[in-house]
Amino acid sequence: MTRELVIETHSLSRRFGDLVAVRDVSLSVYKGEIFGVLGPNGAGKSTTIRMLCGILDPSGGSGNVVGFDIETQAERIKQRIGYMTQRFSLYEDLSVRENLLFYAGIYGVPFFKRRERVQKVLERTGLGPRQDQIAGTLSGGWKQRVALASSTIHDPPLLFLDEPTAGVDPVSRRDFWEQIHRISAEGTTVLLTTHYMDEAERCHRLAFIFRGTLLDVGTPEEIVERRDLRAAEFELDRPREVGELLRQRPEVDELSHFGHVLRVAVHAPADPVALVREVSASAGAQVNAARPSRVTVEDAFVSMVRRDERLQQKSAA
């Protein structure tokens, strides 16, 4: 079966004067996917989303979103999407129900269907017991839940989430992701931006953007596998000294300290345990414990960014 394309772009670019914020981004996003766009602050994630939403015109390239051209049919796109940012504006002097009714009107839900739709959303999101509470008195996690409900009150086929969990506590973040997976399972496509690498592993597929350029696209497993890294954790009696020596080895991709534990990621086929034991012995340090560690999406992203930085330095030299 052919999967239904919801977003498709070809060499999408955006300039602000001499600044190239997004450079030649080509993406394909399919119905029902949770598609994550990852990168550090200033990487071009939000600019990409605004072009896809029809808010910003591209400087180059082309794109089609929910069946409409992003340049010539932007208003049609806006009618068919939900859009939530970390600064999504709730009316804090209105109740939860009143906010939902207001956004139902903004998104064009017919008047005679609004109350029914609001009741359905209240039940689906667990907001029923708080429907009469004034939005300004809600905690950050509950405000986020109301914002998500408001963004999906019109049952859009595509939902954009721009840094939706920034500044939210871990429990609320977990609850939020449960809601996202429920929405996806019901057939809504979700495209979100984040710089939280642990959230990347909750997405079906990912795109990594750095300095406005697309570095890689794939499932979390595919992206990790392509980096060809091996990792391990060590308890050492002289971790800082050993760490400085390890940084000088070309096999080492990244190392980091977690309390008394030193975590080392190396390029295969190097063996991190053998390498750390060798370097520790040369420094007269003792390895008290060693254990393998799973290579994560964060490892892959850091590796790609480091490689890009090295290439930039070589080209500038």
Protein backbone atom coordinates (compact mmCIF):
# COMPACT_ATOMS: atom_id res chain seq x y z
CA MET A 1 0.00 0.00 0.00
CA THR A 2 1.16 3.52 -0.81
CA ARG A 3 1.37 5.72 2.24
CA GLU A 4 -0.44 9.04 2.05
CA LEU A 5 1.86 12.06 1.96
CA VAL A 6 0.74 14.90 4.23
CA ILE A 7 3.84 17.10 3.88
CA GLU A 8 6.29 17.15 1.00
CA THR A 9 9.00 19.76 0.43
CA HIS A 10 11.78 20.11 -2.12
CA SER A 11 14.85 22.27 -1.42
CA LEU A 12 12.87 24.59 0.88
CA SER A 13 14.88 27.67 1.87
CA ARG A 14 14.37 30.91 3.76
CA ARG A 15 16.59 33.98 3.92
CA PHE A 16 16.39 37.02 6.16
CA GLY A 17 18.62 39.50 4.37
CA ASP A 18 22.08 37.91 4.25
CA LEU A 19 21.16 35.29 6.86
CA VAL A 20 20.19 31.87 5.50
CA ALA A 21 17.89 30.48 8.22
CA VAL A 22 16.82 27.36 6.29
CA ARG A 23 18.82 25.86 3.43
CA ASP A 24 17.51 23.29 0.91
CA VAL A 25 15.32 21.24 3.25
CA SER A 26 13.52 18.32 1.56
CA LEU A 27 11.06 16.35 3.69
CA SER A 28 8.32 13.74 3.29
CA VAL A 29 5.89 13.22 6.17
CA TYR A 30 3.15 10.58 6.04
CA LYS A 31 -0.34 10.29 7.49
CA GLY A 32 -0.43 9.27 11.15
CA GLU A 33 3.28 9.84 11.76
CA ILE A 34 4.81 11.61 14.71
CA PHE A 35 7.63 13.39 12.91
CA GLY A 36 10.21 15.18 15.03
CA VAL A 37 12.35 18.08 13.79
CA LEU A 38 15.31 18.32 16.12
CA GLY A 39 18.11 20.78 16.58
CA PRO A 40 19.57 23.35 18.97
CA ASN A 41 18.09 26.82 19.42
CA GLY A 42 18.55 28.87 16.27
CA ALA A 43 18.92 25.82 14.02
CA GLY A 44 15.98 26.79 11.77
CA LYS A 45 13.29 24.52 13.21
CA SER A 46 10.67 27.19 13.92
CA THR A 47 11.32 28.94 10.61
CA THR A 48 10.69 25.64 8.81
CA ILE A 49 7.40 25.12 10.65
CA ARG A 50 6.22 28.66 9.86
CA MET A 51 6.83 28.09 6.17
CA LEU A 52 4.90 24.82 6.29
CA CYS A 53 2.01 26.54 8.07
CA GLY A 54 1.82 29.25 5.43
CA ILE A 55 2.90 31.96 7.89
CA LEU A 56 6.23 32.65 6.14
CA ASP A 57 6.84 32.60 2.40
CA PRO A 58 9.85 30.50 1.35
CA SER A 59 12.76 32.24 -0.37
CA GLY A 60 13.34 29.16 -2.52
CA GLY A 61 12.13 25.63 -3.16
CA SER A 62 8.58 24.31 -2.98
CA GLY A 63 6.24 22.50 -0.64
CA ASN A 64 2.83 20.88 -0.39
CA VAL A 65 0.98 20.57 2.93
CA VAL A 66 -2.33 18.70 3.34
CA GLY A 67 -2.78 18.88 -0.42
CA PHE A 68 -2.11 22.61 -0.84
CA ASP A 69 0.84 24.61 -2.12
CA ILE A 70 2.59 26.58 0.65
CA GLU A 71 3.17 29.61 -1.58
CA THR A 72 -0.13 29.99 -3.42
CA GLN A 73 -2.63 28.33 -1.05
CA ALA A 74 -1.43 29.35 2.40
CA GLU A 75 -4.91 30.30 3.63
CA ARG A 76 -6.27 26.87 2.67
CA ILE A 77 -3.48 25.24 4.70
CA LYS A 78 -4.27 27.34 7.78
CA GLN A 79 -7.85 26.05 7.75
CA ARG A 80 -6.68 22.42 7.83
CA ILE A 81 -4.03 22.45 10.54
CA GLY A 82 -3.64 22.86 14.28
CA TYR A 83 -0.73 24.93 15.57
CA MET A 84 0.57 25.05 19.13
CA THR A 85 3.70 26.75 20.41
CA GLN A 86 5.26 26.95 23.87
CA ARG A 87 3.72 30.44 24.07
CA PHE A 88 0.23 29.35 23.00
CA SER A 89 -2.12 32.09 24.23
CA LEU A 90 -4.91 31.02 26.55
CA TYR A 91 -7.32 33.65 27.81
CA GLU A 92 -6.45 33.47 31.48
CA ASP A 93 -9.62 35.19 32.71
CA LEU A 94 -11.83 32.63 30.92
CA SER A 95 -12.62 29.11 32.09
CA VAL A 96 -11.27 26.01 30.37
CA ARG A 97 -14.62 25.43 28.64
CA GLU A 98 -14.86 29.07 27.54
CA ASN A 99 -11.37 28.89 26.03
CA LEU A 100 -12.31 25.78 24.07
CA LEU A 101 -15.50 27.39 22.81
CA PHE A 102 -13.55 30.46 21.75
CA TYR A 103 -10.97 28.45 19.78
CA ALA A 104 -13.71 26.33 18.23
CA GLY A 105 -15.04 29.58 16.78
CA ILE A 106 -11.58 30.75 15.68
CA TYR A 107 -10.99 27.45 13.86
CA GLY A 108 -14.34 27.63 12.12
CA VAL A 109 -16.27 24.86 13.86
CA PRO A 110 -19.95 25.46 12.94
CA PHE A 111 -21.86 27.14 15.76
CA PHE A 112 -24.36 24.30 16.18
CA LYS A 113 -21.52 21.78 16.62
CA ARG A 114 -19.31 23.69 19.03
CA ARG A 115 -20.78 22.58 22.35
CA GLU A 116 -20.83 18.95 21.26
CA ARG A 117 -17.24 19.18 20.04
CA VAL A 118 -16.07 20.86 23.26
CA GLN A 119 -17.72 18.18 25.39
CA LYS A 120 -16.03 15.47 23.36
CA VAL A 121 -12.61 17.11 23.76
CA LEU A 122 -13.11 17.63 27.51
CA GLU A 123 -13.80 13.93 27.95
CA ARG A 124 -11.00 12.79 25.65
CA THR A 125 -8.31 14.92 27.30
CA GLY A 126 -9.34 14.45 30.93
CA LEU A 127 -10.17 18.14 31.31
CA GLY A 128 -13.79 17.49 32.29
CA PRO A 129 -13.29 17.99 36.06
CA ARG A 130 -11.52 21.31 35.39
CA GLN A 131 -13.82 22.69 32.70
CA ASP A 132 -15.12 25.50 34.93
CA GLN A 133 -11.72 26.43 36.37
CA ILE A 134 -10.27 29.78 35.32
CA ALA A 135 -7.38 29.09 32.94
CA GLY A 136 -5.05 31.53 34.70
CA THR A 137 -5.19 29.44 37.89
CA LEU A 138 -4.05 26.22 36.19
CA SER A 139 -0.54 24.79 36.62
CA GLY A 140 1.82 24.77 33.63
CA GLY A 141 1.05 21.15 32.78
CA TRP A 142 -2.73 21.70 32.78
CA LYS A 143 -2.37 24.88 30.71
CA GLN A 144 -0.41 22.86 28.20
CA ARG A 145 -3.19 20.29 28.08
CA VAL A 146 -5.79 23.01 27.45
CA ALA A 147 -3.56 24.48 24.72
CA LEU A 148 -3.33 21.10 23.01
CA ALA A 149 -7.09 20.61 23.27
CA SER A 150 -7.65 24.08 21.80
CA SER A 151 -5.29 23.33 18.90
CA THR A 152 -7.18 20.15 18.01
CA ILE A 153 -10.75 21.30 18.71
CA HIS A 154 -11.50 21.25 14.95
CA ASP A 155 -10.04 17.73 14.41
CA PRO A 156 -7.30 18.85 11.99
CA PRO A 157 -5.56 16.21 9.85
CA LEU A 158 -2.20 17.81 10.68
CA LEU A 159 -0.95 19.21 13.99
CA PHE A 160 2.15 21.39 14.34
CA LEU A 161 3.78 21.59 17.76
CA ASP A 162 6.62 24.11 18.09
CA GLU A 163 8.71 23.42 21.22
CA PRO A 164 5.54 22.33 23.06
CA THR A 165 7.19 20.94 26.22
CA ALA A 166 9.71 23.72 26.90
CA GLY A 167 9.66 24.59 30.58
CA VAL A 168 7.22 21.79 31.53
CA ASP A 169 7.93 19.42 34.42
CA PRO A 170 8.83 15.74 33.65
CA VAL A 171 5.46 14.30 34.75
CA SER A 172 3.52 16.76 32.58
CA ARG A 173 5.84 16.03 29.66
CA ARG A 174 5.11 12.32 29.97
CA ASP A 175 1.36 12.93 30.11
CA PHE A 176 1.65 15.23 27.09
CA TRP A 177 3.38 12.52 25.07
CA GLU A 178 0.63 10.06 25.93
CA GLN A 179 -1.83 12.55 24.42
CA ILE A 180 0.33 12.93 21.29
CA HIS A 181 0.47 9.19 20.69
CA ARG A 182 -3.29 8.94 21.16
CA ILE A 183 -3.83 11.70 18.59
CA SER A 184 -1.48 9.98 16.17
CA ALA A 185 -3.19 6.60 16.63
CA GLU A 186 -6.49 8.26 15.66
CA GLY A 187 -4.97 9.25 12.29
CA THR A 188 -3.73 12.81 12.87
CA THR A 189 -0.23 13.55 11.59
CA VAL A 190 1.95 15.35 14.13
CA LEU A 191 5.04 17.39 13.28
CA LEU A 192 6.88 18.80 16.26
CA THR A 193 10.10 20.64 16.95
CA THR A 194 12.15 20.08 20.07
CA HIS A 195 15.68 20.35 21.37
CA TYR A 196 15.05 17.65 24.01
CA MET A 197 16.88 14.62 22.65
CA ASP A 198 15.07 12.16 24.92
CA GLU A 199 11.80 13.17 23.24
CA ALA A 200 13.25 12.23 19.86
CA GLU A 201 13.06 8.56 20.77
CA ARG A 202 9.28 8.89 21.14
CA CYS A 203 8.87 9.93 17.47
CA HIS A 204 8.27 7.59 14.56
CA ARG A 205 10.78 9.44 12.38
CA LEU A 206 13.17 12.35 12.83
CA ALA A 207 14.86 15.11 10.89
CA PHE A 208 17.99 16.68 12.36
CA ILE A 209 18.57 20.34 11.45
CA PHE A 210 21.74 22.27 12.27
CA ARG A 211 22.56 25.78 10.97
CA GLY A 212 19.50 25.56 8.75
CA THR A 213 20.74 22.43 7.00
CA LEU A 214 19.19 18.97 7.11
CA LEU A 215 21.77 16.54 8.51
CA ASP A 216 19.79 13.29 8.51
CA VAL A 217 16.27 11.82 8.30
CA GLY A 218 15.05 8.44 9.49
CA THR A 219 13.69 6.44 12.40
CA PRO A 220 15.56 6.84 15.71
CA GLU A 221 17.05 3.38 15.19
CA GLU A 222 18.22 4.16 11.64
CA ILE A 223 19.83 7.44 12.67
CA VAL A 224 21.69 5.83 15.57
CA GLU A 225 22.83 2.91 13.43
CA ARG A 226 24.21 5.19 10.70
CA ARG A 227 26.55 6.89 13.19
CA ASP A 228 28.24 3.51 13.90
CA LEU A 229 29.09 4.31 17.52
CA ARG A 230 29.81 2.12 20.54
CA ALA A 231 29.52 3.38 24.13
CA ALA A 232 30.39 2.29 27.64
CA GLU A 233 30.39 3.71 31.18
CA PHE A 234 33.29 3.57 33.60
CA GLU A 235 34.02 4.17 37.27
CA LEU A 236 37.61 5.39 37.58
CA ASP A 237 39.77 6.65 40.40
CA ARG A 238 41.10 9.53 38.21
CA PRO A 239 38.32 10.25 35.71
CA ARG A 240 39.32 13.81 34.78
CA GLU A 241 42.91 12.87 33.95
CA VAL A 242 41.82 9.83 31.95
CA GLY A 243 39.18 11.93 30.21
CA GLU A 244 41.76 14.49 29.03
CA LEU A 245 43.89 11.71 27.54
CA LEU A 246 40.88 10.13 25.85
CA ARG A 247 39.95 13.42 24.17
CA GLN A 248 43.24 13.23 22.27
CA ARG A 249 42.39 9.87 20.72
CA PRO A 250 40.86 9.98 17.21
CA GLU A 251 38.60 6.96 17.96
CA VAL A 252 36.75 8.92 20.66
CA ASP A 253 33.62 10.69 19.45
CA GLU A 254 32.32 12.06 22.75
CA LEU A 255 32.83 11.69 26.48
CA SER A 256 30.85 13.07 29.40
CA HIS A 257 30.86 12.95 33.19
CA PHE A 258 27.86 11.79 35.22
CA GLY A 259 28.83 12.16 38.85
CA HIS A 260 31.57 9.56 39.41
CA VAL A 261 30.84 7.86 36.08
CA LEU A 262 32.68 8.61 32.83
CA ARG A 263 30.71 7.74 29.66
CA VAL A 264 32.70 7.25 26.47
CA ALA A 265 31.40 6.90 22.90
CA VAL A 266 33.80 5.75 20.17
CA HIS A 267 33.66 5.09 16.45
CA ALA A 268 33.38 1.40 15.57
CA PRO A 269 35.23 -0.89 15.26
CA ALA A 270 37.06 0.56 18.28
CA ASP A 271 36.17 -1.09 21.61
CA PRO A 272 35.47 1.55 24.30
CA VAL A 273 36.29 -0.81 27.16
CA ALA A 274 39.64 -1.87 25.71
CA LEU A 275 40.49 1.74 24.84
CA VAL A 276 39.70 3.12 28.32
CA ARG A 277 41.61 0.31 30.01
CA GLU A 278 44.63 1.03 27.79
CA VAL A 279 44.56 4.78 28.42
CA SER A 280 43.94 4.31 32.16
CA ALA A 281 46.91 1.97 32.45
CA SER A 282 49.17 4.48 30.67
CA ALA A 283 48.08 7.14 33.19
CA GLY A 284 48.44 4.83 36.20
CA ALA A 285 44.69 5.03 36.86
CA GLN A 286 42.45 2.21 38.07
CA VAL A 287 39.26 1.12 36.28
CA ASN A 288 36.94 0.06 39.11
CA ALA A 289 33.94 -0.85 36.92
CA ALA A 290 33.05 -0.95 33.22
CA ARG A 291 29.71 -1.63 31.58
CA PRO A 292 28.30 -1.23 28.03
CA SER A 293 25.91 1.68 27.40
CA ARG A 294 23.16 2.04 24.81
CA VAL A 295 23.94 4.53 22.04
CA THR A 296 21.16 7.14 22.01
CA VAL A 297 19.69 9.64 19.58
CA GLU A 298 21.49 12.34 21.57
CA ASP A 299 24.81 10.58 20.91
CA ALA A 300 24.00 10.50 17.19
CA PHE A 301 23.00 14.17 17.10
CA VAL A 302 26.09 15.34 19.00
CA SER A 303 28.24 13.25 16.68
CA MET A 304 26.68 14.84 13.58
CA VAL A 305 27.04 18.36 14.99
CA ARG A 306 30.68 17.78 15.93
CA ARG A 307 31.39 16.45 12.43
CA ASP A 308 29.68 19.42 10.82
CA GLU A 309 31.69 21.82 12.99
CA ARG A 310 34.96 20.12 12.01
CA LEU A 311 34.05 20.37 8.33
CA GLN A 312 33.21 24.07 8.75
CA GLN A 313 36.58 24.69 10.43
CA LYS A 314 38.45 22.87 7.65
CA SER A 315 36.65 24.80 4.92
CA ALA A 316 37.38 28.11 6.69
CA ALA A 317 41.08 27.28 7.16
